[in-house]
Amino acid sequence: MADQKIQSTGGSFASLRQPVFAVLWAATVLGNVGSFMRDVASSWLVTDLSASPTAVALIQTAATLPIFLLAIPAGVLSDILDRRRFLIVVQLLLASVSGTLLVLSHFGALTVDYLIALTFVGGIGAALMGPTWQAIVPELVPRENLKGAVALNSLGINIARAIGPAAGGLILASFGAAVTYGMDVLSYVFVIAALLWWKRPAATDSALSENFLGAFRAGLRYTRASKELHRVLLRAAVFFLFASAVWALLPLVARQMLGGTAGFYGVLLGAVGAGAIVGALVMPRVSAHLDTDGLVLLASVVSAAVMAMLVFAPPKWLAVPLLVLLGMGWITALTTFNSVAQAILPNWVRGRGLAVYLMVFNGAMAAGSLGWGLVAREIGVPYALAVSAAGLVVVALLFHRVRLPVGEVDLQASNHWPEPLVAESVANDRGPVLVQVEYRIRQEDRAAFLDAMKRLSQERLRDGAYAWGVVEHTNDPQRVVEWFFVESWAEHLRQHHRVSHADADLQAEALRFHAGPGKPEVHHFLALKH
């Protein structure tokens, strides 16, 4: 076991031998440190400007709601734009937000409305950046180091979470909000410099390149048809909906219940980050004894226990290790959901699928933060924490039966479909396209064949079809035709390149019932304009 741990650690840090990844990773850690400093200043300043729990919770809502609203468009943009230039523009947007906060706080003109509005704009930047940053990682490291690079990204975020809030709280208490926001502006300078230094190879033009609306529809079709992704989204939504209470109410817990200062609030957030780092290090050992569902249940119980302990306003010295435990539970849930989502998404739709996951995650956080803020206004912060803790345990037990997918199938493109036969060149935008696959199925095999086709239909719908069905010939019941519609000829050609090895196995399962000579006949039909 010790040898395996050393190999795993070495594999994770091997990505840092890639100069571009190392520079961008370090710059991103620095940028996230600045972002956490900005968030601490904003969360604490709103308690100076208003004693309302709703106002405090609205800051969290404003930060996460844009990610809920824009996650899918951001995922599409990350697939169709030059990612380096796109990230530079986003960093400039985020720097302008912190620069505006700096000016307003320096002149004493900052209000709750300005804080919420600028936090919302910062959330827009975060929404655009998240899927894009995840999408560039495979460009920066060899394929064998990809998992290690993803783990390093998680580690980097939690390093920033451990340093940023504590540093932000200390700078806020010592020098004021303007200096804290200024440090965030400075961090973006380093990130932009790193992106300018990165000489990303120019993307090759392809006749099958997707436009925004087409890519958007393809992502929605995949999401609608993927039952495995549905389970991940459901489990994540119910967890974050209840767990968001501690994040929304933590400034009030630190200030009102624990009698802390801005510096102490930063220490608490730093403790969460430190706990996340510890949790990331011990997770491999825990994973050896628990499956993904067990990890989520454990994370729920630990998080709920911490919230329940905070209800009793523990001494400050005890609150810090409690928040370390919260960080361990939080990173366990976050890493588990994210890794399962990564494992079940094929490369062609990974950015859009992860964007949907981010939308659900941040939507649950935004709705939960606002909801728990309203609950706290009515019944008080301690009771709101108690209710959310009890609710988290209940939903964890109820939804434990909705098992997370294993995600062990081979999703690499198989490229086993032959190119369709055409009498003359077909315009890519022509459509819709009707595809028919004709089988001969013996009557005794009909039920098993239809069962296999039901599973195959999910692959057709995920990879590009918007309608699917199976019919039999009225004069020859053994003649069975599978049909599906695709919106354009280009989308059908893309469908050829999206079929994975796992999908090929599903097709082979259906093909074994074909009783006719040779392979099933495939026909393509194009709509005629009239």
Protein backbone atom coordinates (compact mmCIF):
# COMPACT_ATOMS: atom_id res chain seq x y z
CA MET A 1 0.00 0.00 0.00
CA ALA A 2 2.85 2.41 0.79
CA ASP A 3 4.44 1.78 -2.60
CA GLN A 4 1.14 2.42 -4.33
CA LYS A 5 0.76 5.73 -2.51
CA ILE A 6 4.25 6.85 -3.53
CA GLN A 7 3.53 5.96 -7.16
CA SER A 8 0.23 7.79 -7.05
CA THR A 9 1.81 10.91 -5.59
CA GLY A 10 4.64 10.82 -8.11
CA GLY A 11 2.15 10.41 -10.92
CA SER A 12 0.19 13.43 -9.78
CA PHE A 13 3.21 15.73 -9.57
CA ALA A 14 4.65 14.42 -12.85
CA SER A 15 2.42 16.92 -14.67
CA LEU A 16 4.53 19.75 -13.21
CA ARG A 17 7.42 18.57 -15.41
CA GLN A 18 5.48 20.05 -18.32
CA PRO A 19 6.62 23.73 -18.33
CA VAL A 20 3.41 25.20 -19.74
CA PHE A 21 1.21 23.31 -17.30
CA ALA A 22 3.47 24.22 -14.37
CA VAL A 23 3.43 27.94 -15.21
CA LEU A 24 -0.32 28.08 -15.81
CA TRP A 25 -0.99 25.98 -12.71
CA ALA A 26 1.10 28.30 -10.51
CA ALA A 27 -0.51 31.39 -12.03
CA THR A 28 -3.97 29.94 -11.48
CA VAL A 29 -3.19 29.16 -7.83
CA LEU A 30 -2.08 32.78 -7.40
CA GLY A 31 -5.20 34.03 -9.17
CA ASN A 32 -7.44 31.89 -6.97
CA VAL A 33 -5.67 33.21 -3.85
CA GLY A 34 -6.60 36.72 -5.00
CA SER A 35 -10.19 35.68 -5.72
CA PHE A 36 -10.59 34.20 -2.24
CA MET A 37 -9.17 37.41 -0.75
CA ARG A 38 -11.74 39.43 -2.71
CA ASP A 39 -14.57 37.12 -1.59
CA VAL A 40 -13.56 37.43 2.07
CA ALA A 41 -13.54 41.21 1.83
CA SER A 42 -16.95 41.30 0.14
CA SER A 43 -18.54 38.78 2.53
CA TRP A 44 -17.24 40.67 5.55
CA LEU A 45 -18.03 44.17 4.28
CA VAL A 46 -21.67 43.26 3.70
CA THR A 47 -21.98 42.49 7.43
CA ASP A 48 -20.74 46.05 8.09
CA LEU A 49 -23.27 47.49 5.66
CA SER A 50 -26.26 45.36 6.69
CA ALA A 51 -27.15 43.09 9.60
CA SER A 52 -29.73 41.20 7.50
CA PRO A 53 -28.97 37.49 6.96
CA THR A 54 -30.65 37.81 3.56
CA ALA A 55 -28.17 40.46 2.43
CA VAL A 56 -25.26 38.29 3.56
CA ALA A 57 -26.66 35.22 1.80
CA LEU A 58 -27.28 37.25 -1.38
CA ILE A 59 -23.51 37.72 -1.80
CA GLN A 60 -23.12 33.94 -2.05
CA THR A 61 -26.12 33.78 -4.38
CA ALA A 62 -24.73 36.53 -6.62
CA ALA A 63 -21.42 34.68 -6.89
CA THR A 64 -22.94 31.33 -7.87
CA LEU A 65 -26.12 32.24 -9.79
CA PRO A 66 -24.26 33.30 -12.98
CA ILE A 67 -22.53 29.93 -13.11
CA PHE A 68 -25.95 28.30 -12.92
CA LEU A 69 -27.28 30.52 -15.72
CA LEU A 70 -24.23 30.56 -18.02
CA ALA A 71 -22.52 27.21 -17.46
CA ILE A 72 -23.78 25.56 -20.65
CA PRO A 73 -23.13 28.57 -22.94
CA ALA A 74 -19.67 28.81 -21.34
CA GLY A 75 -19.04 25.15 -22.07
CA VAL A 76 -20.05 25.67 -25.69
CA LEU A 77 -17.79 28.72 -26.04
CA SER A 78 -14.87 26.76 -24.60
CA ASP A 79 -15.28 24.26 -27.45
CA ILE A 80 -15.64 26.68 -30.37
CA LEU A 81 -13.37 29.67 -29.47
CA ASP A 82 -9.61 29.99 -29.07
CA ARG A 83 -9.33 29.05 -25.43
CA ARG A 84 -6.21 31.06 -24.65
CA ARG A 85 -7.66 34.32 -25.97
CA PHE A 86 -10.98 33.60 -24.33
CA LEU A 87 -9.31 33.10 -20.94
CA ILE A 88 -7.36 36.37 -21.32
CA VAL A 89 -10.60 38.29 -21.94
CA VAL A 90 -12.21 36.66 -18.90
CA GLN A 91 -9.22 37.57 -16.70
CA LEU A 92 -9.50 41.19 -17.85
CA LEU A 93 -13.18 41.17 -16.92
CA LEU A 94 -12.42 39.82 -13.43
CA ALA A 95 -9.62 42.34 -12.93
CA SER A 96 -12.00 45.18 -13.83
CA VAL A 97 -14.49 43.94 -11.21
CA SER A 98 -11.88 44.00 -8.44
CA GLY A 99 -10.56 47.33 -9.72
CA THR A 100 -14.04 48.83 -9.44
CA LEU A 101 -14.43 47.44 -5.91
CA LEU A 102 -11.05 48.95 -5.04
CA VAL A 103 -12.08 52.43 -6.21
CA LEU A 104 -15.51 52.33 -4.55
CA SER A 105 -14.13 51.11 -1.21
CA HIS A 106 -11.29 53.67 -1.29
CA PHE A 107 -13.78 56.54 -1.65
CA GLY A 108 -16.27 55.07 0.82
CA ALA A 109 -18.93 54.69 -1.88
CA LEU A 110 -19.43 50.92 -1.57
CA THR A 111 -23.01 49.85 -0.85
CA VAL A 112 -24.78 46.50 -0.52
CA ASP A 113 -26.28 46.99 -3.99
CA TYR A 114 -22.87 47.67 -5.54
CA LEU A 115 -21.37 44.67 -3.74
CA ILE A 116 -24.10 42.32 -4.97
CA ALA A 117 -23.96 43.68 -8.54
CA LEU A 118 -20.18 43.48 -8.82
CA THR A 119 -20.14 40.04 -7.21
CA PHE A 120 -22.64 38.97 -9.87
CA VAL A 121 -20.37 40.25 -12.65
CA GLY A 122 -17.46 38.40 -11.03
CA GLY A 123 -19.65 35.30 -11.04
CA ILE A 124 -20.12 35.74 -14.79
CA GLY A 125 -16.35 35.70 -15.20
CA ALA A 126 -16.08 32.58 -13.06
CA ALA A 127 -18.84 30.92 -15.11
CA LEU A 128 -16.96 31.58 -18.35
CA MET A 129 -13.60 30.51 -16.96
CA GLY A 130 -14.50 27.21 -15.24
CA PRO A 131 -15.32 24.93 -18.20
CA THR A 132 -12.62 26.54 -20.35
CA TRP A 133 -9.83 25.94 -17.84
CA GLN A 134 -10.87 22.31 -17.41
CA ALA A 135 -10.98 21.90 -21.19
CA ILE A 136 -7.38 23.08 -21.77
CA VAL A 137 -5.79 20.62 -19.34
CA PRO A 138 -5.60 17.75 -21.90
CA GLU A 139 -3.71 20.14 -24.19
CA LEU A 140 -1.01 20.77 -21.56
CA VAL A 141 -0.02 17.28 -20.39
CA PRO A 142 0.48 13.85 -21.96
CA ARG A 143 -2.51 11.56 -21.83
CA GLU A 144 -0.95 9.32 -19.18
CA ASN A 145 -0.60 12.34 -16.85
CA LEU A 146 -4.13 13.65 -17.30
CA LYS A 147 -5.55 12.22 -14.07
CA GLY A 148 -2.61 13.58 -12.12
CA ALA A 149 -3.13 17.01 -13.69
CA VAL A 150 -6.81 17.00 -12.70
CA ALA A 151 -5.81 16.08 -9.14
CA LEU A 152 -3.24 18.89 -9.11
CA ASN A 153 -5.93 21.36 -10.16
CA SER A 154 -8.05 20.31 -7.19
CA LEU A 155 -5.02 20.57 -4.92
CA GLY A 156 -4.25 24.03 -6.29
CA ILE A 157 -7.75 25.28 -5.59
CA ASN A 158 -7.54 24.07 -2.03
CA ILE A 159 -4.08 25.55 -1.51
CA ALA A 160 -5.61 28.84 -2.59
CA ARG A 161 -8.59 28.21 -0.32
CA ALA A 162 -6.23 27.64 2.61
CA ILE A 163 -4.08 30.72 1.94
CA GLY A 164 -6.47 33.23 0.34
CA PRO A 165 -9.18 33.60 3.00
CA ALA A 166 -6.71 33.79 5.89
CA ALA A 167 -4.49 36.28 4.05
CA GLY A 168 -7.53 38.25 2.92
CA GLY A 169 -8.90 38.46 6.42
CA LEU A 170 -5.57 39.64 7.85
CA ILE A 171 -5.04 42.23 5.08
CA LEU A 172 -8.64 43.42 5.47
CA ALA A 173 -8.23 43.84 9.22
CA SER A 174 -4.79 45.51 8.91
CA PHE A 175 -5.02 47.68 5.79
CA GLY A 176 -8.67 47.81 4.74
CA ALA A 177 -10.81 46.64 1.85
CA ALA A 178 -9.13 48.75 -0.86
CA VAL A 179 -5.76 47.08 -0.34
CA THR A 180 -7.40 43.64 -0.25
CA TYR A 181 -9.10 44.27 -3.58
CA GLY A 182 -5.84 45.68 -4.94
CA MET A 183 -4.06 42.42 -4.16
CA ASP A 184 -6.67 40.59 -6.22
CA VAL A 185 -6.11 42.95 -9.16
CA LEU A 186 -2.37 42.25 -8.93
CA SER A 187 -2.97 38.48 -9.03
CA TYR A 188 -4.72 38.79 -12.40
CA VAL A 189 -1.65 40.50 -13.84
CA PHE A 190 0.34 37.30 -13.24
CA VAL A 191 -2.40 35.09 -14.72
CA ILE A 192 -2.69 37.21 -17.87
CA ALA A 193 1.10 37.27 -18.25
CA ALA A 194 1.20 33.46 -18.05
CA LEU A 195 -1.54 33.13 -20.68
CA LEU A 196 0.27 35.57 -23.00
CA TRP A 197 3.47 33.53 -22.54
CA TRP A 198 1.67 30.31 -23.53
CA LYS A 199 2.05 29.83 -27.27
CA ARG A 200 -0.98 27.66 -27.96
CA PRO A 201 -0.90 25.91 -31.37
CA ALA A 202 -3.45 27.33 -33.76
CA ALA A 203 -6.54 25.18 -34.12
CA THR A 204 -6.95 23.49 -37.48
CA ASP A 205 -10.05 24.46 -39.41
CA SER A 206 -12.48 21.63 -40.03
CA ALA A 207 -15.52 21.44 -42.25
CA LEU A 208 -17.24 19.70 -39.32
CA SER A 209 -16.48 22.43 -36.77
CA GLU A 210 -19.57 23.19 -34.70
CA ASN A 211 -21.21 26.59 -34.48
CA PHE A 212 -22.57 27.91 -31.19
CA LEU A 213 -26.22 26.96 -31.61
CA GLY A 214 -25.43 23.53 -33.06
CA ALA A 215 -22.98 22.74 -30.27
CA PHE A 216 -25.47 24.03 -27.71
CA ARG A 217 -28.21 21.73 -29.04
CA ALA A 218 -25.82 18.76 -29.17
CA GLY A 219 -24.87 19.32 -25.54
CA LEU A 220 -28.51 19.51 -24.48
CA ARG A 221 -29.35 16.34 -26.43
CA TYR A 222 -26.55 14.46 -24.73
CA THR A 223 -27.57 15.70 -21.29
CA ARG A 224 -31.21 14.80 -21.87
CA ALA A 225 -30.37 11.26 -23.02
CA SER A 226 -27.64 10.35 -20.50
CA LYS A 227 -29.27 8.49 -17.61
CA GLU A 228 -25.90 8.13 -15.88
CA LEU A 229 -25.34 11.88 -15.90
CA HIS A 230 -28.85 12.38 -14.52
CA ARG A 231 -27.97 10.33 -11.45
CA VAL A 232 -24.80 12.34 -10.82
CA LEU A 233 -26.68 15.63 -11.18
CA LEU A 234 -29.48 14.52 -8.85
CA ARG A 235 -27.11 13.33 -6.13
CA ALA A 236 -24.99 16.49 -6.38
CA ALA A 237 -28.03 18.79 -6.31
CA VAL A 238 -29.51 17.38 -3.10
CA PHE A 239 -26.14 17.40 -1.33
CA PHE A 240 -25.19 20.98 -2.22
CA LEU A 241 -28.70 22.30 -1.62
CA PHE A 242 -28.43 21.45 2.08
CA ALA A 243 -24.66 21.79 2.53
CA SER A 244 -24.77 25.36 1.12
CA ALA A 245 -26.22 26.59 4.43
CA VAL A 246 -22.86 26.62 6.18
CA TRP A 247 -21.26 28.70 3.40
CA ALA A 248 -24.12 31.20 3.26
CA LEU A 249 -24.27 31.70 7.03
CA LEU A 250 -20.59 31.36 7.97
CA PRO A 251 -19.93 35.15 8.08
CA LEU A 252 -22.78 35.50 10.58
CA VAL A 253 -21.58 32.46 12.53
CA ALA A 254 -18.10 33.98 12.80
CA ARG A 255 -19.30 37.47 13.70
CA GLN A 256 -22.50 37.03 15.71
CA MET A 257 -22.27 33.56 17.22
CA LEU A 258 -18.51 33.29 17.77
CA GLY A 259 -17.73 37.01 18.25
CA GLY A 260 -14.90 36.95 15.72
CA THR A 261 -13.27 39.64 13.60
CA ALA A 262 -12.56 39.74 9.87
CA GLY A 263 -9.23 38.07 10.56
CA PHE A 264 -10.94 35.22 12.43
CA TYR A 265 -13.41 34.76 9.58
CA GLY A 266 -10.45 34.43 7.20
CA VAL A 267 -8.88 31.87 9.55
CA LEU A 268 -12.09 29.82 9.49
CA LEU A 269 -12.15 29.81 5.69
CA GLY A 270 -8.46 28.95 5.67
CA ALA A 271 -9.23 26.04 7.99
CA VAL A 272 -11.76 24.77 5.43
CA GLY A 273 -9.07 24.93 2.75
CA ALA A 274 -6.55 23.17 4.98
CA GLY A 275 -9.10 20.46 5.69
CA ALA A 276 -9.70 20.07 1.97
CA ILE A 277 -5.98 19.50 1.40
CA VAL A 278 -5.87 16.92 4.18
CA GLY A 279 -9.01 15.29 2.79
CA ALA A 280 -7.49 15.08 -0.68
CA LEU A 281 -4.40 13.35 0.77
CA VAL A 282 -6.31 10.77 2.84
CA MET A 283 -9.04 10.10 0.26
CA PRO A 284 -7.10 7.35 -1.57
CA ARG A 285 -6.92 5.31 1.65
CA VAL A 286 -10.59 5.89 2.45
CA SER A 287 -11.54 5.02 -1.16
CA ALA A 288 -9.91 1.63 -0.70
CA HIS A 289 -12.69 0.79 1.79
CA LEU A 290 -15.66 2.78 0.43
CA ASP A 291 -17.20 3.07 -3.02
CA THR A 292 -18.36 6.41 -4.43
CA ASP A 293 -21.77 6.16 -2.76
CA GLY A 294 -20.13 5.43 0.57
CA LEU A 295 -17.83 8.45 0.17
CA VAL A 296 -20.79 10.77 -0.47
CA LEU A 297 -22.64 9.38 2.55
CA LEU A 298 -19.54 9.86 4.72
CA ALA A 299 -19.10 13.43 3.45
CA SER A 300 -22.74 14.20 4.21
CA VAL A 301 -22.55 12.89 7.77
CA VAL A 302 -19.28 14.73 8.51
CA SER A 303 -20.60 18.03 7.08
CA ALA A 304 -23.88 17.71 8.96
CA ALA A 305 -22.04 16.94 12.22
CA VAL A 306 -19.94 20.10 11.86
CA MET A 307 -23.03 22.23 11.22
CA ALA A 308 -24.72 20.70 14.25
CA MET A 309 -21.70 21.52 16.44
CA LEU A 310 -21.66 25.14 15.23
CA VAL A 311 -25.26 25.50 16.43
CA PHE A 312 -23.94 25.50 20.00
CA ALA A 313 -21.50 28.41 19.33
CA PRO A 314 -18.34 26.52 20.37
CA PRO A 315 -15.20 28.35 21.56
CA LYS A 316 -13.06 29.84 18.81
CA TRP A 317 -10.28 27.32 19.37
CA LEU A 318 -12.76 24.48 18.73
CA ALA A 319 -14.40 26.14 15.74
CA VAL A 320 -11.14 26.01 13.77
CA PRO A 321 -10.70 22.19 13.85
CA LEU A 322 -14.43 21.82 13.17
CA LEU A 323 -13.99 23.81 9.96
CA VAL A 324 -11.01 21.59 9.09
CA LEU A 325 -13.40 18.62 9.31
CA LEU A 326 -15.90 20.50 7.16
CA GLY A 327 -13.19 20.99 4.51
CA MET A 328 -12.44 17.27 4.55
CA GLY A 329 -16.10 16.40 4.06
CA TRP A 330 -16.55 19.07 1.41
CA ILE A 331 -13.58 18.00 -0.74
CA THR A 332 -14.65 14.35 -0.46
CA ALA A 333 -18.08 15.12 -1.90
CA LEU A 334 -16.80 17.59 -4.48
CA THR A 335 -14.03 15.30 -5.75
CA THR A 336 -16.31 12.27 -5.85
CA PHE A 337 -19.05 13.96 -7.87
CA ASN A 338 -16.55 15.61 -10.21
CA SER A 339 -14.53 12.45 -10.85
CA VAL A 340 -17.66 10.42 -11.58
CA ALA A 341 -18.88 13.10 -14.00
CA GLN A 342 -15.46 13.11 -15.71
CA ALA A 343 -15.48 9.31 -15.96
CA ILE A 344 -18.85 9.02 -17.70
CA LEU A 345 -18.36 11.85 -20.24
CA PRO A 346 -16.73 11.19 -23.63
CA ASN A 347 -14.16 13.68 -24.87
CA TRP A 348 -16.33 15.30 -27.55
CA VAL A 349 -18.90 16.55 -25.03
CA ARG A 350 -16.78 16.72 -21.88
CA GLY A 351 -16.74 20.52 -21.65
CA ARG A 352 -20.50 20.80 -22.12
CA GLY A 353 -21.25 17.91 -19.77
CA LEU A 354 -19.04 19.38 -17.06
CA ALA A 355 -20.71 22.74 -17.68
CA VAL A 356 -24.09 21.15 -16.93
CA TYR A 357 -22.62 19.67 -13.75
CA LEU A 358 -21.29 23.12 -12.77
CA MET A 359 -24.70 24.61 -13.53
CA VAL A 360 -26.43 22.17 -11.20
CA PHE A 361 -23.74 22.56 -8.52
CA ASN A 362 -23.87 26.35 -8.52
CA GLY A 363 -27.63 26.44 -8.99
CA ALA A 364 -28.04 24.32 -5.87
CA MET A 365 -25.54 26.52 -4.02
CA ALA A 366 -27.31 29.73 -5.13
CA ALA A 367 -30.81 28.48 -4.31
CA GLY A 368 -29.65 26.96 -1.05
CA SER A 369 -27.77 30.09 0.02
CA LEU A 370 -30.77 32.33 -0.63
CA GLY A 371 -33.17 29.85 0.95
CA TRP A 372 -31.12 29.35 4.10
CA GLY A 373 -30.64 33.12 4.38
CA LEU A 374 -34.41 33.55 4.36
CA VAL A 375 -34.83 30.72 6.87
CA ALA A 376 -32.20 32.29 9.16
CA ARG A 377 -34.02 35.62 9.01
CA GLU A 378 -37.20 33.96 10.24
CA ILE A 379 -35.92 31.52 12.86
CA GLY A 380 -32.33 32.63 13.53
CA VAL A 381 -28.93 31.44 12.37
CA PRO A 382 -28.50 28.58 14.92
CA TYR A 383 -31.88 27.03 14.11
CA ALA A 384 -31.29 27.37 10.36
CA LEU A 385 -28.00 25.49 10.75
CA ALA A 386 -29.72 22.79 12.79
CA VAL A 387 -32.47 22.31 10.20
CA SER A 388 -29.97 22.15 7.32
CA ALA A 389 -27.80 19.63 9.19
CA ALA A 390 -30.77 17.35 9.87
CA GLY A 391 -31.98 17.72 6.28
CA LEU A 392 -28.54 16.82 4.90
CA VAL A 393 -28.47 13.54 6.81
CA VAL A 394 -32.03 12.66 5.79
CA VAL A 395 -31.49 13.27 2.05
CA ALA A 396 -28.14 11.47 2.17
CA LEU A 397 -29.84 8.34 3.50
CA LEU A 398 -32.84 8.62 1.15
CA PHE A 399 -30.79 9.14 -2.03
CA HIS A 400 -28.12 6.62 -1.11
CA ARG A 401 -30.23 4.11 -3.06
CA VAL A 402 -29.78 6.15 -6.25
CA ARG A 403 -26.41 4.61 -7.03
CA LEU A 404 -23.74 6.67 -8.74
CA PRO A 405 -22.45 5.19 -12.03
CA VAL A 406 -19.19 3.26 -11.94
CA GLY A 407 -17.72 4.96 -15.01
CA GLU A 408 -15.35 2.19 -16.08
CA VAL A 409 -16.36 1.80 -19.75
CA ASP A 410 -14.09 2.75 -22.65
CA LEU A 411 -15.30 6.09 -24.03
CA GLN A 412 -12.55 6.57 -26.62
CA ALA A 413 -13.86 6.95 -30.17
CA SER A 414 -14.00 3.61 -31.98
CA ASN A 415 -14.32 5.08 -35.52
CA HIS A 416 -15.79 1.76 -36.67
CA TRP A 417 -18.68 3.22 -38.69
CA PRO A 418 -17.92 3.21 -42.44
CA GLU A 419 -18.35 6.49 -44.29
CA PRO A 420 -21.88 6.78 -45.74
CA LEU A 421 -22.25 6.21 -49.47
CA VAL A 422 -23.33 9.27 -51.47
CA ALA A 423 -24.02 9.72 -55.18
CA GLU A 424 -22.75 13.30 -55.07
CA SER A 425 -21.37 15.74 -52.53
CA VAL A 426 -23.82 16.70 -49.77
CA ALA A 427 -23.88 20.16 -48.20
CA ASN A 428 -23.08 20.00 -44.50
CA ASP A 429 -26.06 22.12 -43.50
CA ARG A 430 -28.57 19.99 -45.41
CA GLY A 431 -31.05 18.11 -43.30
CA PRO A 432 -32.70 16.63 -41.47
CA VAL A 433 -31.18 13.20 -42.14
CA LEU A 434 -33.09 9.96 -41.71
CA VAL A 435 -30.93 6.89 -41.02
CA GLN A 436 -32.41 3.39 -41.31
CA VAL A 437 -30.74 0.15 -40.23
CA GLU A 438 -32.55 -2.97 -41.47
CA TYR A 439 -32.26 -6.22 -39.48
CA ARG A 440 -33.74 -9.69 -39.82
CA ILE A 441 -34.81 -10.91 -36.38
CA ARG A 442 -36.30 -14.30 -35.62
CA GLN A 443 -39.51 -14.21 -33.62
CA GLU A 444 -37.97 -16.09 -30.69
CA ASP A 445 -35.22 -13.44 -30.47
CA ARG A 446 -37.56 -10.46 -30.67
CA ALA A 447 -37.77 -9.67 -26.94
CA ALA A 448 -34.02 -9.92 -26.32
CA PHE A 449 -33.32 -7.86 -29.45
CA LEU A 450 -35.68 -5.09 -28.38
CA ASP A 451 -34.08 -5.04 -24.95
CA ALA A 452 -30.66 -4.57 -26.56
CA MET A 453 -32.06 -1.89 -28.87
CA LYS A 454 -33.47 0.02 -25.89
CA ARG A 455 -29.95 0.34 -24.50
CA LEU A 456 -28.60 1.21 -27.95
CA SER A 457 -31.20 3.96 -28.36
CA GLN A 458 -29.58 5.92 -25.54
CA GLU A 459 -26.31 5.92 -27.47
CA ARG A 460 -28.02 7.16 -30.66
CA LEU A 461 -29.77 9.97 -28.76
CA ARG A 462 -26.64 10.97 -26.81
CA ASP A 463 -24.46 11.13 -29.92
CA GLY A 464 -26.68 13.27 -32.13
CA ALA A 465 -30.12 11.81 -32.94
CA TYR A 466 -33.16 13.84 -31.88
CA ALA A 467 -35.72 11.07 -32.55
CA TRP A 468 -35.42 7.27 -32.60
CA GLY A 469 -37.64 4.22 -33.06
CA VAL A 470 -37.99 0.60 -34.20
CA VAL A 471 -40.62 -0.67 -36.66
CA GLU A 472 -41.51 -3.99 -38.27
CA HIS A 473 -42.67 -4.70 -41.83
CA THR A 474 -46.40 -5.50 -42.03
CA ASN A 475 -45.89 -8.31 -44.57
CA ASP A 476 -42.63 -9.66 -43.12
CA PRO A 477 -42.45 -9.44 -39.28
CA GLN A 478 -38.83 -10.63 -39.25
CA ARG A 479 -37.88 -7.50 -41.18
CA VAL A 480 -37.19 -4.95 -38.43
CA VAL A 481 -35.97 -1.42 -39.13
CA GLU A 482 -34.27 0.88 -36.64
CA TRP A 483 -34.61 4.55 -37.60
CA PHE A 484 -33.36 7.83 -36.19
CA PHE A 485 -33.31 11.47 -37.25
CA VAL A 486 -30.27 13.76 -37.12
CA GLU A 487 -30.63 17.51 -37.67
CA SER A 488 -28.04 17.88 -40.48
CA TRP A 489 -25.59 15.97 -42.64
CA ALA A 490 -22.64 17.50 -40.76
CA GLU A 491 -24.12 16.41 -37.43
CA HIS A 492 -24.47 12.86 -38.74
CA LEU A 493 -20.83 12.86 -39.86
CA ARG A 494 -19.88 14.06 -36.38
CA GLN A 495 -21.98 11.21 -35.01
CA HIS A 496 -19.69 8.80 -36.88
CA HIS A 497 -16.71 10.14 -34.91
CA ARG A 498 -18.49 10.22 -31.54
CA VAL A 499 -19.29 6.51 -31.26
CA SER A 500 -17.15 5.05 -28.49
CA HIS A 501 -15.81 1.53 -27.91
CA ALA A 502 -18.49 1.07 -25.24
CA ASP A 503 -21.13 2.10 -27.80
CA ALA A 504 -19.62 -0.34 -30.28
CA ASP A 505 -20.14 -3.10 -27.70
CA LEU A 506 -23.82 -2.13 -27.43
CA GLN A 507 -24.16 -2.32 -31.20
CA ALA A 508 -22.43 -5.71 -31.29
CA GLU A 509 -24.91 -6.97 -28.69
CA ALA A 510 -27.82 -5.99 -30.96
CA LEU A 511 -26.09 -7.30 -34.10
CA ARG A 512 -25.78 -10.82 -32.72
CA PHE A 513 -29.55 -11.24 -33.19
CA HIS A 514 -29.37 -10.37 -36.90
CA ALA A 515 -30.29 -13.54 -38.83
CA GLY A 516 -29.94 -12.22 -42.35
CA PRO A 517 -27.04 -12.72 -44.79
CA GLY A 518 -24.20 -10.28 -44.26
CA LYS A 519 -24.49 -7.16 -42.13
CA PRO A 520 -27.71 -5.17 -41.66
CA GLU A 521 -28.36 -2.73 -44.48
CA VAL A 522 -27.92 0.95 -43.66
CA HIS A 523 -29.78 3.64 -45.63
CA HIS A 524 -29.47 7.42 -45.46
CA PHE A 525 -32.24 9.78 -46.58
CA LEU A 526 -32.10 13.57 -46.93
CA ALA A 527 -35.11 15.84 -46.67
CA LEU A 528 -36.22 17.40 -49.97
CA LYS A 529 -37.07 21.07 -50.18
CA HIS A 530 -40.50 21.79 -51.65
